[in-house]
Amino acid sequence: MANSYTTEDGVQRTTVIERRSNGGLMIGMIVIIALVAAIAYFLFAQDSREQRQSDALVSAAESVDDAARDAGTAISDAANRAAPKQ
């Protein structure tokens, strides 16, 4: 931006004013992007952790089911051997 003016003694003067950005906008944008990236990372990490916990519970439940079936089969076999044949 340039301002032209005349002094009291009649001399024509021009003043050039340069405005420069201080980088505040750029720093603000970088901070916002970093914040969004951090939030996304923690949300995905938590979702993954919950999925692993869920998988562990399902696996434990399947193991209990298998053990109960094996116990039922063993009891049935023992009862069949102990029962008198007709």
N, C-alpha and C. Protein backbone atom coordinates (compact mmCIF):
# COMPACT_ATOMS: atom_id res chain seq x y z
N MET A 1 0.85 -1.16 0.00
CA MET A 1 0.00 0.00 0.00
C MET A 1 0.91 1.23 0.00
N ALA A 2 0.59 2.18 -0.83
CA ALA A 2 1.42 3.38 -0.94
C ALA A 2 0.57 4.61 -0.67
N ASN A 3 1.09 5.53 0.12
CA ASN A 3 0.43 6.80 0.40
C ASN A 3 1.28 7.93 -0.17
N SER A 4 0.66 8.80 -0.94
CA SER A 4 1.38 9.97 -1.47
C SER A 4 0.86 11.21 -0.75
N TYR A 5 1.77 12.10 -0.42
CA TYR A 5 1.38 13.35 0.23
C TYR A 5 2.41 14.42 -0.10
N THR A 6 2.02 15.64 0.14
CA THR A 6 2.90 16.78 -0.10
C THR A 6 3.19 17.43 1.24
N THR A 7 4.48 17.70 1.48
CA THR A 7 4.88 18.35 2.73
C THR A 7 4.60 19.84 2.67
N GLU A 8 4.78 20.56 3.78
CA GLU A 8 4.51 22.00 3.85
C GLU A 8 5.41 22.80 2.91
N ASP A 9 6.59 22.29 2.63
CA ASP A 9 7.50 23.03 1.75
C ASP A 9 7.30 22.65 0.27
N GLY A 10 6.23 21.85 -0.05
CA GLY A 10 5.89 21.54 -1.43
C GLY A 10 6.57 20.32 -2.01
N VAL A 11 7.24 19.54 -1.20
CA VAL A 11 7.92 18.35 -1.70
C VAL A 11 6.93 17.18 -1.71
N GLN A 12 6.90 16.51 -2.86
CA GLN A 12 6.02 15.33 -3.00
C GLN A 12 6.70 14.12 -2.37
N ARG A 13 6.02 13.47 -1.48
CA ARG A 13 6.57 12.29 -0.78
C ARG A 13 5.63 11.10 -0.99
N THR A 14 6.22 9.94 -1.03
CA THR A 14 5.44 8.69 -1.11
C THR A 14 5.96 7.76 -0.01
N THR A 15 5.03 7.24 0.75
CA THR A 15 5.36 6.29 1.80
C THR A 15 4.79 4.94 1.41
N VAL A 16 5.64 3.92 1.39
CA VAL A 16 5.21 2.56 1.07
C VAL A 16 5.13 1.78 2.38
N ILE A 17 3.98 1.22 2.63
CA ILE A 17 3.76 0.43 3.83
C ILE A 17 3.58 -1.02 3.41
N GLU A 18 4.48 -1.88 3.82
CA GLU A 18 4.39 -3.30 3.51
C GLU A 18 3.85 -4.03 4.72
N ARG A 19 2.87 -4.83 4.45
CA ARG A 19 2.28 -5.62 5.54
C ARG A 19 2.64 -7.07 5.29
N ARG A 20 3.16 -7.67 6.29
CA ARG A 20 3.52 -9.08 6.18
C ARG A 20 2.73 -9.87 7.20
N SER A 21 2.42 -11.09 6.83
CA SER A 21 1.72 -11.97 7.74
C SER A 21 2.70 -12.45 8.80
N ASN A 22 2.23 -12.56 10.01
CA ASN A 22 3.10 -13.05 11.07
C ASN A 22 3.06 -14.56 11.20
N GLY A 23 2.32 -15.21 10.34
CA GLY A 23 2.27 -16.67 10.36
C GLY A 23 1.29 -17.24 11.35
N GLY A 24 0.53 -16.42 12.00
CA GLY A 24 -0.43 -16.89 13.00
C GLY A 24 -1.48 -17.82 12.41
N LEU A 25 -1.94 -17.49 11.22
CA LEU A 25 -2.94 -18.32 10.57
C LEU A 25 -2.35 -19.70 10.24
N MET A 26 -1.16 -19.70 9.74
CA MET A 26 -0.51 -20.97 9.37
C MET A 26 -0.29 -21.83 10.62
N ILE A 27 0.18 -21.24 11.68
CA ILE A 27 0.41 -21.98 12.93
C ILE A 27 -0.92 -22.52 13.46
N GLY A 28 -1.95 -21.71 13.39
CA GLY A 28 -3.28 -22.14 13.84
C GLY A 28 -3.78 -23.33 13.05
N MET A 29 -3.59 -23.30 11.74
CA MET A 29 -4.04 -24.41 10.90
C MET A 29 -3.25 -25.69 11.22
N ILE A 30 -1.95 -25.55 11.45
CA ILE A 30 -1.13 -26.72 11.80
C ILE A 30 -1.59 -27.32 13.13
N VAL A 31 -1.89 -26.47 14.09
CA VAL A 31 -2.36 -26.94 15.40
C VAL A 31 -3.69 -27.66 15.25
N ILE A 32 -4.60 -27.12 14.46
CA ILE A 32 -5.91 -27.75 14.27
C ILE A 32 -5.76 -29.10 13.58
N ILE A 33 -4.93 -29.17 12.55
CA ILE A 33 -4.72 -30.44 11.85
C ILE A 33 -4.10 -31.48 12.79
N ALA A 34 -3.13 -31.07 13.60
CA ALA A 34 -2.50 -31.99 14.54
C ALA A 34 -3.52 -32.48 15.58
N LEU A 35 -4.38 -31.60 16.03
CA LEU A 35 -5.40 -31.96 17.02
C LEU A 35 -6.38 -32.97 16.43
N VAL A 36 -6.84 -32.73 15.22
CA VAL A 36 -7.77 -33.65 14.56
C VAL A 36 -7.10 -35.01 14.36
N ALA A 37 -5.84 -35.02 13.94
CA ALA A 37 -5.12 -36.28 13.75
C ALA A 37 -4.97 -37.04 15.07
N ALA A 38 -4.67 -36.34 16.14
CA ALA A 38 -4.51 -36.99 17.44
C ALA A 38 -5.84 -37.59 17.93
N ILE A 39 -6.92 -36.86 17.76
CA ILE A 39 -8.24 -37.36 18.17
C ILE A 39 -8.60 -38.60 17.35
N ALA A 40 -8.36 -38.55 16.04
CA ALA A 40 -8.67 -39.70 15.19
C ALA A 40 -7.84 -40.91 15.61
N TYR A 41 -6.56 -40.71 15.91
CA TYR A 41 -5.71 -41.82 16.34
C TYR A 41 -6.24 -42.48 17.61
N PHE A 42 -6.59 -41.66 18.61
CA PHE A 42 -7.06 -42.22 19.86
C PHE A 42 -8.41 -42.93 19.70
N LEU A 43 -9.28 -42.41 18.84
CA LEU A 43 -10.56 -43.08 18.62
C LEU A 43 -10.35 -44.43 17.95
N PHE A 44 -9.47 -44.49 16.93
CA PHE A 44 -9.22 -45.76 16.28
C PHE A 44 -8.50 -46.73 17.21
N ALA A 45 -7.60 -46.25 18.03
CA ALA A 45 -6.87 -47.11 18.97
C ALA A 45 -7.83 -47.69 20.00
N GLN A 46 -8.76 -46.89 20.48
CA GLN A 46 -9.72 -47.37 21.47
C GLN A 46 -10.65 -48.41 20.83
N ASP A 47 -11.08 -48.16 19.59
CA ASP A 47 -11.95 -49.11 18.90
C ASP A 47 -11.24 -50.44 18.72
N SER A 48 -9.96 -50.40 18.39
CA SER A 48 -9.17 -51.61 18.21
C SER A 48 -9.03 -52.36 19.54
N ARG A 49 -8.81 -51.61 20.62
CA ARG A 49 -8.68 -52.23 21.94
C ARG A 49 -9.99 -52.91 22.35
N GLU A 50 -11.12 -52.24 22.08
CA GLU A 50 -12.42 -52.83 22.42
C GLU A 50 -12.67 -54.07 21.58
N GLN A 51 -12.25 -54.06 20.33
CA GLN A 51 -12.42 -55.23 19.47
C GLN A 51 -11.61 -56.41 20.00
N ARG A 52 -10.37 -56.15 20.45
CA ARG A 52 -9.55 -57.22 21.01
C ARG A 52 -10.19 -57.80 22.27
N GLN A 53 -10.76 -56.93 23.12
CA GLN A 53 -11.42 -57.41 24.33
C GLN A 53 -12.63 -58.25 23.97
N SER A 54 -13.38 -57.80 22.99
CA SER A 54 -14.56 -58.55 22.55
C SER A 54 -14.16 -59.91 21.99
N ASP A 55 -13.10 -59.94 21.20
CA ASP A 55 -12.62 -61.22 20.65
C ASP A 55 -12.18 -62.16 21.77
N ALA A 56 -11.54 -61.62 22.80
CA ALA A 56 -11.09 -62.45 23.92
C ALA A 56 -12.29 -63.04 24.66
N LEU A 57 -13.35 -62.26 24.84
CA LEU A 57 -14.55 -62.75 25.52
C LEU A 57 -15.23 -63.85 24.70
N VAL A 58 -15.31 -63.66 23.40
CA VAL A 58 -15.92 -64.67 22.54
C VAL A 58 -15.11 -65.96 22.59
N SER A 59 -13.79 -65.84 22.55
CA SER A 59 -12.93 -67.02 22.63
C SER A 59 -13.12 -67.75 23.95
N ALA A 60 -13.20 -67.00 25.04
CA ALA A 60 -13.40 -67.62 26.35
C ALA A 60 -14.75 -68.33 26.41
N ALA A 61 -15.78 -67.71 25.85
CA ALA A 61 -17.11 -68.33 25.85
C ALA A 61 -17.11 -69.61 25.01
N GLU A 62 -16.40 -69.60 23.89
CA GLU A 62 -16.31 -70.81 23.07
C GLU A 62 -15.58 -71.92 23.81
N SER A 63 -14.55 -71.57 24.57
CA SER A 63 -13.81 -72.57 25.34
C SER A 63 -14.70 -73.19 26.41
N VAL A 64 -15.50 -72.37 27.07
CA VAL A 64 -16.43 -72.87 28.10
C VAL A 64 -17.45 -73.80 27.45
N ASP A 65 -17.94 -73.41 26.27
CA ASP A 65 -18.92 -74.23 25.56
C ASP A 65 -18.31 -75.58 25.19
N ASP A 66 -17.08 -75.56 24.67
CA ASP A 66 -16.41 -76.81 24.31
C ASP A 66 -16.20 -77.70 25.54
N ALA A 67 -15.80 -77.09 26.64
CA ALA A 67 -15.58 -77.86 27.87
C ALA A 67 -16.89 -78.47 28.37
N ALA A 68 -17.98 -77.74 28.29
CA ALA A 68 -19.28 -78.25 28.74
C ALA A 68 -19.72 -79.41 27.84
N ARG A 69 -19.50 -79.29 26.55
CA ARG A 69 -19.85 -80.40 25.64
C ARG A 69 -19.02 -81.64 25.95
N ASP A 70 -17.72 -81.45 26.17
CA ASP A 70 -16.85 -82.59 26.50
C ASP A 70 -17.28 -83.24 27.81
N ALA A 71 -17.63 -82.43 28.79
CA ALA A 71 -18.08 -82.97 30.08
C ALA A 71 -19.39 -83.73 29.91
N GLY A 72 -20.30 -83.19 29.11
CA GLY A 72 -21.58 -83.87 28.86
C GLY A 72 -21.38 -85.19 28.16
N THR A 73 -20.48 -85.23 27.20
CA THR A 73 -20.19 -86.48 26.49
C THR A 73 -19.57 -87.50 27.43
N ALA A 74 -18.65 -87.07 28.28
CA ALA A 74 -18.00 -87.97 29.23
C ALA A 74 -19.01 -88.53 30.23
N ILE A 75 -19.90 -87.70 30.71
CA ILE A 75 -20.93 -88.15 31.66
C ILE A 75 -21.87 -89.13 30.99
N SER A 76 -22.25 -88.83 29.76
CA SER A 76 -23.16 -89.73 29.02
C SER A 76 -22.50 -91.08 28.78
N ASP A 77 -21.24 -91.06 28.40
CA ASP A 77 -20.52 -92.32 28.18
C ASP A 77 -20.41 -93.13 29.47
N ALA A 78 -20.11 -92.44 30.57
CA ALA A 78 -19.99 -93.12 31.86
C ALA A 78 -21.33 -93.71 32.29
N ALA A 79 -22.39 -92.98 32.05
CA ALA A 79 -23.73 -93.47 32.42
C ALA A 79 -24.10 -94.67 31.56
N ASN A 80 -23.75 -94.66 30.31
CA ASN A 80 -24.06 -95.80 29.44
C ASN A 80 -23.28 -97.04 29.85
N ARG A 81 -22.03 -96.89 30.30
CA ARG A 81 -21.24 -98.03 30.75
C ARG A 81 -21.72 -98.57 32.09
N ALA A 82 -22.21 -97.68 32.93
CA ALA A 82 -22.64 -98.10 34.27
C ALA A 82 -24.05 -98.71 34.25
N ALA A 83 -24.84 -98.35 33.28
CA ALA A 83 -26.22 -98.85 33.24
C ALA A 83 -26.24 -100.32 32.82
N PRO A 84 -27.10 -101.06 33.46
CA PRO A 84 -27.18 -102.49 33.07
C PRO A 84 -27.78 -102.62 31.66
N LYS A 85 -27.31 -103.58 30.92
CA LYS A 85 -27.82 -103.80 29.58
C LYS A 85 -29.03 -104.69 29.66
N GLN A 86 -30.01 -104.38 28.86
CA GLN A 86 -31.24 -105.18 28.90
C GLN A 86 -31.36 -106.05 27.71
